[in-house]
């Protein structure tokens, strides 16, 4: 498990307040949160509660925390419409004995900027993909080329496979457009976003606005 650049900051902040870890899909938010646990550092830990799990969801809605856990991780809980009030109640009741980490992608960042009933109760961190500096104190040419070719998301970077990278790009693009964006806003013409996504790479470095000929 590769240590991430936010690890020390998160460890310090969970001693004071809740910690929110946001960032794009598959950037390593869950892995970072799990690395904070003292025991089982995977999704089987009783301290890890994922809203997408029906069993975990029932515990969350009942406001039941796993026994004898000093740190609780809520993953994707922002998919629940009333998640802020639920988390606020759990934190206010248990903050003297339990620490909380909440992870999420676009929706966590988006809704945090609205009316924030949790203000003053958490520290917010945004996790970014690998950078050359994070991977090595002295990045060499091969490392930089690998980053340029496969990007800084942990899985495709680590595998360094052209075939896997192409498949990963297709899957992540589909999930962002058809799941994440559609969760945030009701978009009628999803197909136009697909066209825009495929067109953007050819526009890198181009002017934002192109003057039309008279």
N, C-alpha and C. Protein backbone atom coordinates (compact mmCIF):
# COMPACT_ATOMS: atom_id res chain seq x y z
N UNK A 1 0.85 -1.19 0.00
CA UNK A 1 0.00 0.00 0.00
C UNK A 1 0.89 1.24 0.00
N UNK A 2 0.74 2.09 -1.01
CA UNK A 2 1.56 3.28 -1.12
C UNK A 2 1.02 4.37 -0.19
N UNK A 3 1.91 4.99 0.58
CA UNK A 3 1.51 6.08 1.47
C UNK A 3 1.21 7.32 0.63
N UNK A 4 0.12 8.02 0.93
CA UNK A 4 -0.26 9.21 0.17
C UNK A 4 0.16 10.48 0.89
N UNK A 5 0.24 11.55 0.14
CA UNK A 5 0.76 12.81 0.67
C UNK A 5 -0.13 13.42 1.75
N UNK A 6 -1.42 13.04 1.80
CA UNK A 6 -2.33 13.60 2.80
C UNK A 6 -2.34 12.83 4.12
N UNK A 7 -1.64 11.71 4.17
CA UNK A 7 -1.79 10.81 5.30
C UNK A 7 -1.48 11.48 6.64
N UNK A 8 -0.38 12.18 6.76
CA UNK A 8 -0.02 12.80 8.04
C UNK A 8 -1.02 13.87 8.44
N UNK A 9 -1.50 14.64 7.47
CA UNK A 9 -2.47 15.70 7.77
C UNK A 9 -3.79 15.11 8.26
N UNK A 10 -4.23 14.04 7.60
CA UNK A 10 -5.48 13.40 8.01
C UNK A 10 -5.35 12.81 9.40
N UNK A 11 -4.24 12.15 9.69
CA UNK A 11 -4.04 11.57 11.03
C UNK A 11 -4.09 12.64 12.11
N UNK A 12 -3.53 13.80 11.81
CA UNK A 12 -3.55 14.88 12.80
C UNK A 12 -4.96 15.46 12.95
N UNK A 13 -5.66 15.60 11.84
CA UNK A 13 -6.97 16.26 11.88
C UNK A 13 -8.06 15.41 12.52
N UNK A 14 -7.98 14.08 12.41
CA UNK A 14 -9.03 13.26 13.01
C UNK A 14 -8.97 13.27 14.53
N UNK A 15 -7.89 13.80 15.08
CA UNK A 15 -7.81 13.96 16.53
C UNK A 15 -8.64 15.16 17.00
N UNK A 16 -9.00 16.05 16.06
CA UNK A 16 -9.70 17.28 16.43
C UNK A 16 -11.16 17.28 15.99
N UNK A 17 -11.42 16.89 14.74
CA UNK A 17 -12.77 16.96 14.17
C UNK A 17 -12.98 15.80 13.21
N UNK A 18 -14.16 15.77 12.58
CA UNK A 18 -14.36 14.85 11.48
C UNK A 18 -13.45 15.25 10.32
N UNK A 19 -13.15 14.30 9.45
CA UNK A 19 -12.36 14.59 8.27
C UNK A 19 -13.15 14.17 7.03
N UNK A 20 -13.30 15.09 6.09
CA UNK A 20 -13.90 14.80 4.80
C UNK A 20 -12.77 14.62 3.79
N UNK A 21 -12.80 13.52 3.05
CA UNK A 21 -11.83 13.29 1.98
C UNK A 21 -12.60 13.21 0.68
N UNK A 22 -12.43 14.21 -0.17
CA UNK A 22 -13.12 14.24 -1.46
C UNK A 22 -12.08 14.09 -2.57
N UNK A 23 -12.57 13.97 -3.79
CA UNK A 23 -11.69 13.82 -4.95
C UNK A 23 -12.37 12.99 -6.01
N UNK A 24 -11.79 12.92 -7.19
CA UNK A 24 -12.41 12.16 -8.29
C UNK A 24 -12.47 10.66 -8.00
N UNK A 25 -13.30 9.98 -8.76
CA UNK A 25 -13.42 8.53 -8.63
C UNK A 25 -12.07 7.84 -8.80
N UNK A 26 -11.84 6.81 -8.02
CA UNK A 26 -10.69 5.92 -8.14
C UNK A 26 -9.35 6.64 -7.95
N UNK A 27 -9.35 7.73 -7.18
CA UNK A 27 -8.10 8.42 -6.92
C UNK A 27 -7.41 7.87 -5.67
N UNK A 28 -8.13 7.03 -4.89
CA UNK A 28 -7.52 6.41 -3.71
C UNK A 28 -8.07 6.89 -2.39
N UNK A 29 -9.27 7.50 -2.40
CA UNK A 29 -9.84 8.05 -1.16
C UNK A 29 -10.13 6.95 -0.13
N UNK A 30 -10.78 5.87 -0.57
CA UNK A 30 -11.11 4.78 0.35
C UNK A 30 -9.85 4.11 0.89
N UNK A 31 -8.88 3.90 0.02
CA UNK A 31 -7.62 3.29 0.45
C UNK A 31 -6.93 4.15 1.49
N UNK A 32 -6.93 5.46 1.28
CA UNK A 32 -6.33 6.38 2.25
C UNK A 32 -7.06 6.31 3.58
N UNK A 33 -8.39 6.33 3.53
CA UNK A 33 -9.17 6.28 4.77
C UNK A 33 -8.92 4.97 5.52
N UNK A 34 -8.91 3.85 4.79
CA UNK A 34 -8.70 2.55 5.43
C UNK A 34 -7.31 2.44 6.05
N UNK A 35 -6.34 3.15 5.49
CA UNK A 35 -4.98 3.09 6.05
C UNK A 35 -4.90 3.71 7.44
N UNK A 36 -5.94 4.46 7.83
CA UNK A 36 -5.97 5.07 9.16
C UNK A 36 -6.41 4.08 10.24
N UNK A 37 -7.00 2.95 9.84
CA UNK A 37 -7.50 1.98 10.81
C UNK A 37 -6.36 1.20 11.45
N UNK A 38 -6.47 0.87 12.70
CA UNK A 38 -5.40 0.13 13.39
C UNK A 38 -5.37 -1.35 13.04
N UNK A 39 -6.52 -1.93 12.70
CA UNK A 39 -6.58 -3.37 12.44
C UNK A 39 -6.70 -3.69 10.97
N UNK A 40 -7.85 -4.31 10.60
CA UNK A 40 -8.08 -4.69 9.21
C UNK A 40 -8.18 -3.45 8.34
N UNK A 41 -7.26 -3.33 7.39
CA UNK A 41 -7.24 -2.14 6.55
C UNK A 41 -7.86 -2.44 5.19
N UNK A 42 -9.05 -3.00 5.21
CA UNK A 42 -9.78 -3.25 3.97
C UNK A 42 -11.27 -3.13 4.22
N UNK A 43 -12.06 -3.37 3.16
CA UNK A 43 -13.50 -3.16 3.24
C UNK A 43 -14.22 -4.14 4.16
N UNK A 44 -13.54 -5.16 4.66
CA UNK A 44 -14.17 -6.11 5.58
C UNK A 44 -14.15 -5.62 7.02
N UNK A 45 -13.46 -4.54 7.28
CA UNK A 45 -13.38 -4.01 8.65
C UNK A 45 -14.76 -3.56 9.12
N UNK A 46 -15.12 -3.88 10.36
CA UNK A 46 -16.41 -3.41 10.89
C UNK A 46 -16.49 -1.90 11.01
N UNK A 47 -15.36 -1.22 10.97
CA UNK A 47 -15.34 0.24 11.09
C UNK A 47 -15.65 0.92 9.76
N UNK A 48 -15.70 0.14 8.68
CA UNK A 48 -15.95 0.70 7.34
C UNK A 48 -17.40 0.49 6.95
N UNK A 49 -18.15 1.59 6.78
CA UNK A 49 -19.56 1.52 6.43
C UNK A 49 -19.77 2.20 5.08
N UNK A 50 -20.18 1.41 4.10
CA UNK A 50 -20.38 1.90 2.75
C UNK A 50 -21.88 1.99 2.45
N UNK A 51 -22.33 3.16 2.06
CA UNK A 51 -23.76 3.37 1.79
C UNK A 51 -24.27 2.44 0.69
N UNK A 52 -23.41 2.02 -0.23
CA UNK A 52 -23.83 1.15 -1.33
C UNK A 52 -24.09 -0.27 -0.88
N UNK A 53 -23.67 -0.63 0.33
CA UNK A 53 -23.94 -1.95 0.89
C UNK A 53 -25.27 -1.92 1.64
N UNK A 54 -26.20 -2.79 1.28
CA UNK A 54 -27.52 -2.80 1.92
C UNK A 54 -27.40 -3.07 3.42
N UNK A 55 -26.49 -3.95 3.79
CA UNK A 55 -26.29 -4.26 5.21
C UNK A 55 -25.76 -3.04 5.96
N UNK A 56 -24.77 -2.38 5.38
CA UNK A 56 -24.22 -1.18 6.01
C UNK A 56 -25.24 -0.05 6.03
N UNK A 57 -26.04 0.04 4.98
CA UNK A 57 -27.03 1.11 4.89
C UNK A 57 -28.05 1.01 6.02
N UNK A 58 -28.44 -0.21 6.34
CA UNK A 58 -29.40 -0.40 7.43
C UNK A 58 -28.82 0.09 8.76
N UNK A 59 -27.53 -0.18 8.99
CA UNK A 59 -26.88 0.29 10.22
C UNK A 59 -26.80 1.81 10.26
N UNK A 60 -26.47 2.40 9.10
CA UNK A 60 -26.34 3.85 9.04
C UNK A 60 -27.68 4.52 9.32
N UNK A 61 -28.74 4.04 8.68
CA UNK A 61 -30.06 4.65 8.86
C UNK A 61 -30.57 4.48 10.29
N UNK A 62 -30.15 3.40 10.94
CA UNK A 62 -30.54 3.19 12.33
C UNK A 62 -29.64 3.95 13.30
N UNK A 63 -28.65 4.66 12.74
CA UNK A 63 -27.68 5.42 13.54
C UNK A 63 -26.97 4.52 14.55
N UNK A 64 -26.66 3.28 14.11
CA UNK A 64 -25.95 2.33 14.95
C UNK A 64 -24.48 2.27 14.54
N UNK A 65 -23.59 2.59 15.44
CA UNK A 65 -22.17 2.52 15.16
C UNK A 65 -21.61 1.18 15.63
N UNK A 66 -20.67 0.61 14.87
CA UNK A 66 -20.04 -0.64 15.30
C UNK A 66 -19.39 -0.48 16.67
N UNK A 67 -19.53 -1.50 17.50
CA UNK A 67 -19.01 -1.43 18.87
C UNK A 67 -17.48 -1.48 18.89
N UNK A 68 -16.91 -0.82 19.89
CA UNK A 68 -15.48 -0.87 20.18
C UNK A 68 -14.61 -0.39 19.01
N UNK A 69 -15.11 0.57 18.24
CA UNK A 69 -14.32 1.13 17.15
C UNK A 69 -14.01 2.59 17.46
N UNK A 70 -12.73 2.94 17.44
CA UNK A 70 -12.31 4.30 17.73
C UNK A 70 -12.41 5.22 16.52
N UNK A 71 -12.45 4.62 15.34
CA UNK A 71 -12.55 5.38 14.09
C UNK A 71 -13.59 4.72 13.20
N UNK A 72 -14.52 5.52 12.68
CA UNK A 72 -15.56 5.03 11.77
C UNK A 72 -15.39 5.72 10.43
N UNK A 73 -15.45 4.94 9.35
CA UNK A 73 -15.36 5.48 8.00
C UNK A 73 -16.72 5.35 7.32
N UNK A 74 -17.27 6.46 6.87
CA UNK A 74 -18.49 6.47 6.08
C UNK A 74 -18.10 6.72 4.62
N UNK A 75 -18.42 5.76 3.76
CA UNK A 75 -18.08 5.90 2.34
C UNK A 75 -19.37 6.08 1.53
N UNK A 76 -19.40 7.13 0.69
CA UNK A 76 -20.53 7.42 -0.19
C UNK A 76 -21.83 7.71 0.56
N UNK A 77 -21.74 8.13 1.82
CA UNK A 77 -22.96 8.40 2.59
C UNK A 77 -23.71 9.62 2.06
N UNK A 78 -23.03 10.48 1.30
CA UNK A 78 -23.68 11.67 0.76
C UNK A 78 -24.74 11.35 -0.29
N UNK A 79 -24.83 10.07 -0.67
CA UNK A 79 -25.92 9.67 -1.58
C UNK A 79 -27.28 9.67 -0.86
N UNK A 80 -27.24 9.70 0.47
CA UNK A 80 -28.45 9.78 1.27
C UNK A 80 -28.83 11.25 1.41
N UNK A 81 -30.08 11.59 1.09
CA UNK A 81 -30.51 12.99 1.04
C UNK A 81 -30.32 13.72 2.38
N UNK A 82 -30.49 13.01 3.51
CA UNK A 82 -30.42 13.65 4.82
C UNK A 82 -29.13 13.31 5.55
N UNK A 83 -28.06 13.08 4.78
CA UNK A 83 -26.83 12.60 5.38
C UNK A 83 -26.21 13.61 6.34
N UNK A 84 -26.33 14.89 6.06
CA UNK A 84 -25.69 15.88 6.92
C UNK A 84 -26.26 15.88 8.33
N UNK A 85 -27.59 15.84 8.42
CA UNK A 85 -28.21 15.82 9.76
C UNK A 85 -27.87 14.53 10.50
N UNK A 86 -27.83 13.42 9.76
CA UNK A 86 -27.48 12.14 10.38
C UNK A 86 -26.06 12.17 10.92
N UNK A 87 -25.11 12.61 10.11
CA UNK A 87 -23.72 12.67 10.52
C UNK A 87 -23.53 13.67 11.66
N UNK A 88 -24.23 14.79 11.59
CA UNK A 88 -24.14 15.79 12.65
C UNK A 88 -24.55 15.21 14.00
N UNK A 89 -25.66 14.46 14.02
CA UNK A 89 -26.12 13.84 15.25
C UNK A 89 -25.15 12.81 15.78
N UNK A 90 -24.62 11.97 14.89
CA UNK A 90 -23.66 10.95 15.31
C UNK A 90 -22.38 11.57 15.86
N UNK A 91 -21.92 12.61 15.19
CA UNK A 91 -20.69 13.26 15.64
C UNK A 91 -20.88 13.95 16.99
N UNK A 92 -21.95 14.71 17.13
CA UNK A 92 -22.18 15.44 18.38
C UNK A 92 -22.35 14.49 19.56
N UNK A 93 -22.92 13.33 19.31
CA UNK A 93 -23.17 12.37 20.39
C UNK A 93 -21.92 11.57 20.75
N UNK A 94 -21.05 11.33 19.77
CA UNK A 94 -19.94 10.40 20.00
C UNK A 94 -18.55 11.00 19.86
N UNK A 95 -18.44 12.31 19.65
CA UNK A 95 -17.15 12.90 19.32
C UNK A 95 -16.09 12.73 20.41
N UNK A 96 -16.49 12.51 21.63
CA UNK A 96 -15.51 12.35 22.70
C UNK A 96 -14.85 10.97 22.68
N UNK A 97 -15.46 10.01 21.98
CA UNK A 97 -14.92 8.65 22.00
C UNK A 97 -14.66 8.06 20.61
N UNK A 98 -15.22 8.68 19.56
CA UNK A 98 -15.10 8.13 18.22
C UNK A 98 -14.68 9.22 17.24
N UNK A 99 -13.78 8.88 16.31
CA UNK A 99 -13.40 9.78 15.23
C UNK A 99 -14.11 9.33 13.95
N UNK A 100 -14.31 10.26 13.03
CA UNK A 100 -15.04 9.95 11.81
C UNK A 100 -14.28 10.45 10.57
N UNK A 101 -14.25 9.60 9.55
CA UNK A 101 -13.77 9.99 8.22
C UNK A 101 -14.91 9.76 7.24
N UNK A 102 -15.19 10.75 6.39
CA UNK A 102 -16.24 10.64 5.39
C UNK A 102 -15.60 10.84 4.03
N UNK A 103 -15.79 9.88 3.15
CA UNK A 103 -15.21 9.96 1.81
C UNK A 103 -16.30 10.06 0.76
N UNK A 104 -15.98 10.69 -0.34
CA UNK A 104 -16.94 10.82 -1.43
C UNK A 104 -16.32 11.53 -2.61
N UNK A 105 -17.01 11.48 -3.75
CA UNK A 105 -16.46 12.08 -4.96
C UNK A 105 -17.14 13.42 -5.23
N UNK A 106 -17.64 13.61 -6.46
CA UNK A 106 -18.14 14.92 -6.87
C UNK A 106 -19.26 15.43 -5.98
N UNK A 107 -20.16 14.55 -5.56
CA UNK A 107 -21.32 14.99 -4.81
C UNK A 107 -20.95 15.53 -3.43
N UNK A 108 -19.97 14.94 -2.79
CA UNK A 108 -19.54 15.43 -1.48
C UNK A 108 -19.01 16.85 -1.61
N UNK A 109 -18.20 17.11 -2.62
CA UNK A 109 -17.66 18.44 -2.84
C UNK A 109 -18.75 19.42 -3.22
N UNK A 110 -19.68 18.99 -4.05
CA UNK A 110 -20.76 19.84 -4.54
C UNK A 110 -21.69 20.26 -3.42
N UNK A 111 -22.15 19.31 -2.63
CA UNK A 111 -23.11 19.62 -1.57
C UNK A 111 -22.46 20.31 -0.39
N UNK A 112 -21.15 20.15 -0.21
CA UNK A 112 -20.46 20.84 0.86
C UNK A 112 -20.53 22.35 0.67
N UNK A 113 -20.65 22.80 -0.58
CA UNK A 113 -20.64 24.22 -0.88
C UNK A 113 -22.02 24.85 -0.75
N UNK A 114 -23.03 24.05 -0.49
CA UNK A 114 -24.36 24.57 -0.27
C UNK A 114 -24.52 24.99 1.18
N UNK A 115 -25.76 25.00 1.68
CA UNK A 115 -25.99 25.31 3.09
C UNK A 115 -25.34 24.25 3.95
N UNK A 116 -24.31 24.62 4.68
CA UNK A 116 -23.48 23.63 5.36
C UNK A 116 -23.79 23.59 6.85
N UNK A 117 -24.66 22.65 7.25
CA UNK A 117 -25.04 22.52 8.66
C UNK A 117 -23.92 21.88 9.49
N UNK A 118 -22.87 21.41 8.83
CA UNK A 118 -21.75 20.77 9.52
C UNK A 118 -20.58 21.72 9.73
N UNK A 119 -20.75 22.97 9.37
CA UNK A 119 -19.66 23.93 9.48
C UNK A 119 -19.07 23.95 10.89
N UNK A 120 -17.74 23.91 10.95
CA UNK A 120 -17.06 23.93 12.23
C UNK A 120 -16.86 22.56 12.85
N UNK A 121 -17.39 21.53 12.20
CA UNK A 121 -17.28 20.17 12.76
C UNK A 121 -16.31 19.29 11.98
N UNK A 122 -15.74 19.78 10.91
CA UNK A 122 -14.88 18.91 10.10
C UNK A 122 -13.73 19.69 9.47
N UNK A 123 -12.70 18.92 9.10
CA UNK A 123 -11.62 19.42 8.25
C UNK A 123 -11.80 18.77 6.88
N UNK A 124 -11.60 19.55 5.84
CA UNK A 124 -11.84 19.08 4.47
C UNK A 124 -10.51 18.91 3.74
N UNK A 125 -10.36 17.77 3.07
CA UNK A 125 -9.18 17.51 2.25
C UNK A 125 -9.62 17.00 0.88
N UNK A 126 -8.90 17.41 -0.14
CA UNK A 126 -9.16 16.91 -1.49
C UNK A 126 -7.94 16.12 -1.95
N UNK A 127 -8.16 14.87 -2.29
CA UNK A 127 -7.07 14.00 -2.72
C UNK A 127 -6.92 14.07 -4.24
N UNK A 128 -5.71 14.32 -4.68
CA UNK A 128 -5.42 14.41 -6.11
C UNK A 128 -4.67 13.16 -6.57
N UNK A 129 -4.64 12.90 -7.87
CA UNK A 129 -3.86 11.76 -8.38
C UNK A 129 -2.37 11.91 -8.07
N UNK A 130 -1.62 10.84 -8.30
CA UNK A 130 -0.18 10.88 -8.09
C UNK A 130 0.45 12.02 -8.89
N UNK A 131 1.44 12.65 -8.30
CA UNK A 131 2.29 13.60 -9.02
C UNK A 131 3.71 13.05 -8.99
N UNK A 132 4.56 13.61 -9.83
CA UNK A 132 5.96 13.17 -9.84
C UNK A 132 6.63 13.42 -8.50
N UNK A 133 6.29 14.53 -7.87
CA UNK A 133 6.88 14.87 -6.57
C UNK A 133 6.44 13.88 -5.50
N UNK A 134 5.17 13.50 -5.52
CA UNK A 134 4.68 12.55 -4.51
C UNK A 134 5.33 11.19 -4.67
N UNK A 135 5.54 10.76 -5.91
CA UNK A 135 6.07 9.43 -6.16
C UNK A 135 7.55 9.32 -5.86
N UNK A 136 8.25 10.42 -6.00
CA UNK A 136 9.70 10.35 -5.80
C UNK A 136 10.23 11.73 -5.46
N UNK A 137 11.17 11.77 -4.52
CA UNK A 137 11.78 13.04 -4.16
C UNK A 137 12.59 13.60 -5.33
N UNK A 138 13.09 12.69 -6.16
CA UNK A 138 13.85 13.10 -7.35
C UNK A 138 13.31 12.36 -8.56
N UNK A 139 12.23 12.86 -9.13
CA UNK A 139 11.62 12.17 -10.28
C UNK A 139 12.59 12.05 -11.45
N UNK A 140 12.68 10.84 -12.01
CA UNK A 140 13.54 10.65 -13.17
C UNK A 140 12.68 10.69 -14.44
N UNK A 141 13.35 10.63 -15.58
CA UNK A 141 12.66 10.77 -16.87
C UNK A 141 11.67 9.63 -17.10
N UNK A 142 12.02 8.41 -16.68
CA UNK A 142 11.12 7.26 -16.89
C UNK A 142 9.83 7.43 -16.09
N UNK A 143 9.95 7.90 -14.86
CA UNK A 143 8.78 8.11 -14.01
C UNK A 143 7.87 9.17 -14.61
N UNK A 144 8.45 10.25 -15.08
CA UNK A 144 7.66 11.32 -15.69
C UNK A 144 6.96 10.82 -16.94
N UNK A 145 7.64 10.03 -17.74
CA UNK A 145 7.03 9.49 -18.96
C UNK A 145 5.88 8.55 -18.62
N UNK A 146 6.04 7.76 -17.56
CA UNK A 146 4.96 6.86 -17.15
C UNK A 146 3.74 7.65 -16.70
N UNK A 147 3.96 8.74 -15.98
CA UNK A 147 2.86 9.60 -15.56
C UNK A 147 2.18 10.24 -16.76
N UNK A 148 2.95 10.72 -17.71
CA UNK A 148 2.38 11.36 -18.89
C UNK A 148 1.57 10.37 -19.73
N UNK A 149 2.01 9.12 -19.74
CA UNK A 149 1.35 8.12 -20.57
C UNK A 149 0.11 7.54 -19.91
N UNK A 150 0.20 7.22 -18.60
CA UNK A 150 -0.90 6.52 -17.94
C UNK A 150 -1.65 7.39 -16.93
N UNK A 151 -1.18 8.60 -16.68
CA UNK A 151 -1.85 9.46 -15.72
C UNK A 151 -1.51 9.09 -14.29
N UNK A 152 -2.03 9.88 -13.35
CA UNK A 152 -1.67 9.68 -11.95
C UNK A 152 -2.67 8.92 -11.11
N UNK A 153 -3.74 8.40 -11.72
CA UNK A 153 -4.66 7.59 -10.95
C UNK A 153 -3.98 6.27 -10.60
N UNK A 154 -4.08 5.84 -9.34
CA UNK A 154 -3.25 4.73 -8.86
C UNK A 154 -3.31 3.45 -9.68
N UNK A 155 -4.50 2.98 -10.04
CA UNK A 155 -4.59 1.67 -10.69
C UNK A 155 -3.97 1.65 -12.08
N UNK A 156 -4.35 2.54 -13.00
CA UNK A 156 -3.71 2.49 -14.31
C UNK A 156 -2.22 2.82 -14.27
N UNK A 157 -1.83 3.72 -13.35
CA UNK A 157 -0.41 4.04 -13.25
C UNK A 157 0.39 2.83 -12.79
N UNK A 158 -0.12 2.14 -11.78
CA UNK A 158 0.61 0.99 -11.23
C UNK A 158 0.68 -0.15 -12.24
N UNK A 159 -0.40 -0.41 -12.94
CA UNK A 159 -0.41 -1.51 -13.92
C UNK A 159 0.42 -1.19 -15.16
N UNK A 160 0.45 0.10 -15.54
CA UNK A 160 1.25 0.54 -16.69
C UNK A 160 1.00 -0.30 -17.93
N UNK A 161 -0.27 -0.56 -18.19
CA UNK A 161 -0.67 -1.38 -19.35
C UNK A 161 -1.53 -0.54 -20.29
N UNK A 162 -1.16 -0.49 -21.56
CA UNK A 162 -1.94 0.27 -22.54
C UNK A 162 -3.37 -0.26 -22.62
N UNK A 163 -3.51 -1.56 -22.67
CA UNK A 163 -4.83 -2.17 -22.79
C UNK A 163 -5.71 -1.86 -21.58
N UNK A 164 -5.13 -2.01 -20.39
CA UNK A 164 -5.90 -1.70 -19.18
C UNK A 164 -6.23 -0.22 -19.12
N UNK A 165 -5.31 0.63 -19.52
CA UNK A 165 -5.54 2.08 -19.46
C UNK A 165 -6.69 2.50 -20.37
N UNK A 166 -6.74 1.95 -21.57
CA UNK A 166 -7.83 2.28 -22.49
C UNK A 166 -9.17 1.83 -21.92
N UNK A 167 -9.20 0.63 -21.36
CA UNK A 167 -10.45 0.12 -20.76
C UNK A 167 -10.85 0.97 -19.56
N UNK A 168 -9.89 1.34 -18.74
CA UNK A 168 -10.17 2.15 -17.56
C UNK A 168 -10.73 3.50 -17.96
N UNK A 169 -10.17 4.13 -18.98
CA UNK A 169 -10.65 5.43 -19.44
C UNK A 169 -12.10 5.35 -19.92
N UNK A 170 -12.43 4.28 -20.65
CA UNK A 170 -13.81 4.12 -21.12
C UNK A 170 -14.77 3.97 -19.94
N UNK A 171 -14.37 3.14 -18.97
CA UNK A 171 -15.25 2.89 -17.84
C UNK A 171 -15.43 4.12 -16.97
N UNK A 172 -14.35 4.83 -16.67
CA UNK A 172 -14.46 6.00 -15.80
C UNK A 172 -15.22 7.13 -16.47
N UNK A 173 -15.03 7.30 -17.78
CA UNK A 173 -15.77 8.33 -18.51
C UNK A 173 -17.26 8.04 -18.49
N UNK A 174 -17.60 6.77 -18.69
CA UNK A 174 -19.01 6.39 -18.69
C UNK A 174 -19.65 6.63 -17.32
N UNK A 175 -18.93 6.30 -16.26
CA UNK A 175 -19.50 6.46 -14.91
C UNK A 175 -19.63 7.93 -14.53
N UNK A 176 -18.67 8.75 -14.92
CA UNK A 176 -18.74 10.17 -14.60
C UNK A 176 -19.93 10.82 -15.29
N UNK A 177 -20.12 10.51 -16.58
CA UNK A 177 -21.19 11.15 -17.34
C UNK A 177 -22.56 10.58 -16.99
N UNK A 178 -22.65 9.26 -16.93
CA UNK A 178 -23.96 8.63 -16.78
C UNK A 178 -24.39 8.41 -15.33
N UNK A 179 -23.45 8.54 -14.39
CA UNK A 179 -23.81 8.36 -12.98
C UNK A 179 -23.57 9.64 -12.17
N UNK A 180 -22.31 10.07 -12.10
CA UNK A 180 -21.98 11.22 -11.25
C UNK A 180 -22.70 12.49 -11.69
N UNK A 181 -22.57 12.82 -12.96
CA UNK A 181 -23.18 14.06 -13.45
C UNK A 181 -24.70 14.00 -13.38
N UNK A 182 -25.25 12.86 -13.69
CA UNK A 182 -26.70 12.72 -13.67
C UNK A 182 -27.25 12.76 -12.24
N UNK A 183 -26.42 12.40 -11.26
CA UNK A 183 -26.83 12.51 -9.87
C UNK A 183 -26.87 13.97 -9.42
N UNK A 184 -25.97 14.78 -9.98
CA UNK A 184 -25.91 16.19 -9.59
C UNK A 184 -26.98 17.03 -10.27
N UNK A 185 -27.15 16.82 -11.55
CA UNK A 185 -28.10 17.61 -12.34
C UNK A 185 -28.83 16.67 -13.30
N UNK A 186 -30.08 17.00 -13.57
CA UNK A 186 -30.83 16.23 -14.54
C UNK A 186 -30.49 16.72 -15.95
N UNK A 187 -29.68 15.95 -16.63
CA UNK A 187 -29.21 16.32 -17.96
C UNK A 187 -30.02 15.56 -19.01
N UNK A 188 -30.62 16.29 -19.94
CA UNK A 188 -31.46 15.64 -20.95
C UNK A 188 -30.64 15.04 -22.09
N UNK A 189 -29.67 15.79 -22.57
CA UNK A 189 -28.91 15.35 -23.74
C UNK A 189 -27.56 14.78 -23.32
N UNK A 190 -27.59 13.62 -22.70
CA UNK A 190 -26.35 12.97 -22.27
C UNK A 190 -25.44 12.69 -23.47
N UNK A 191 -26.03 12.37 -24.61
CA UNK A 191 -25.24 12.03 -25.80
C UNK A 191 -24.35 13.20 -26.21
N UNK A 192 -24.82 14.44 -26.01
CA UNK A 192 -24.00 15.60 -26.36
C UNK A 192 -22.77 15.71 -25.46
N UNK A 193 -22.91 15.28 -24.20
CA UNK A 193 -21.76 15.27 -23.30
C UNK A 193 -20.74 14.23 -23.73
N UNK A 194 -21.21 13.10 -24.22
CA UNK A 194 -20.29 12.09 -24.76
C UNK A 194 -19.48 12.67 -25.91
N UNK A 195 -20.15 13.40 -26.81
CA UNK A 195 -19.46 14.02 -27.94
C UNK A 195 -18.44 15.06 -27.48
N UNK A 196 -18.84 15.85 -26.47
CA UNK A 196 -17.92 16.86 -25.94
C UNK A 196 -16.70 16.21 -25.32
N UNK A 197 -16.90 15.13 -24.58
CA UNK A 197 -15.79 14.44 -23.92
C UNK A 197 -14.78 13.93 -24.94
N UNK A 198 -15.27 13.41 -26.06
CA UNK A 198 -14.36 12.88 -27.07
C UNK A 198 -13.70 13.99 -27.90
N UNK A 199 -14.33 15.15 -27.90
CA UNK A 199 -13.79 16.27 -28.69
C UNK A 199 -12.73 17.05 -27.91
N UNK A 200 -12.84 17.09 -26.61
CA UNK A 200 -11.96 17.94 -25.80
C UNK A 200 -10.46 17.64 -25.96
N UNK A 201 -10.02 16.36 -26.01
CA UNK A 201 -8.57 16.12 -26.14
C UNK A 201 -7.94 16.80 -27.35
N UNK A 202 -8.67 16.92 -28.44
CA UNK A 202 -8.12 17.56 -29.63
C UNK A 202 -8.05 19.07 -29.49
N UNK A 203 -8.68 19.60 -28.43
CA UNK A 203 -8.70 21.06 -28.22
C UNK A 203 -7.67 21.53 -27.20
N UNK A 204 -6.92 20.60 -26.64
CA UNK A 204 -5.93 20.99 -25.63
C UNK A 204 -4.92 21.95 -26.25
N UNK A 205 -4.73 23.11 -25.60
CA UNK A 205 -3.81 24.10 -26.11
C UNK A 205 -4.42 25.07 -27.10
N UNK A 206 -5.67 24.86 -27.46
CA UNK A 206 -6.34 25.75 -28.40
C UNK A 206 -6.98 26.92 -27.67
N UNK A 207 -7.26 28.01 -28.39
CA UNK A 207 -7.96 29.15 -27.75
C UNK A 207 -9.35 28.72 -27.27
N UNK A 208 -9.82 29.33 -26.20
CA UNK A 208 -11.15 29.00 -25.70
C UNK A 208 -12.22 29.42 -26.69
N UNK A 209 -12.01 30.57 -27.34
CA UNK A 209 -12.99 31.06 -28.31
C UNK A 209 -12.29 31.29 -29.63
N UNK A 210 -12.87 30.80 -30.67
CA UNK A 210 -12.30 30.98 -32.01
C UNK A 210 -13.11 32.01 -32.75
N UNK A 211 -12.43 33.03 -33.22
CA UNK A 211 -13.13 34.11 -33.92
C UNK A 211 -13.69 33.61 -35.24
N UNK A 212 -14.96 33.86 -35.47
CA UNK A 212 -15.60 33.43 -36.70
C UNK A 212 -15.26 34.38 -37.84
N UNK A 213 -14.95 33.84 -39.03
CA UNK A 213 -14.64 34.71 -40.17
C UNK A 213 -15.86 35.52 -40.59
N UNK A 214 -15.61 36.73 -41.03
CA UNK A 214 -16.72 37.59 -41.48
C UNK A 214 -17.20 37.17 -42.87
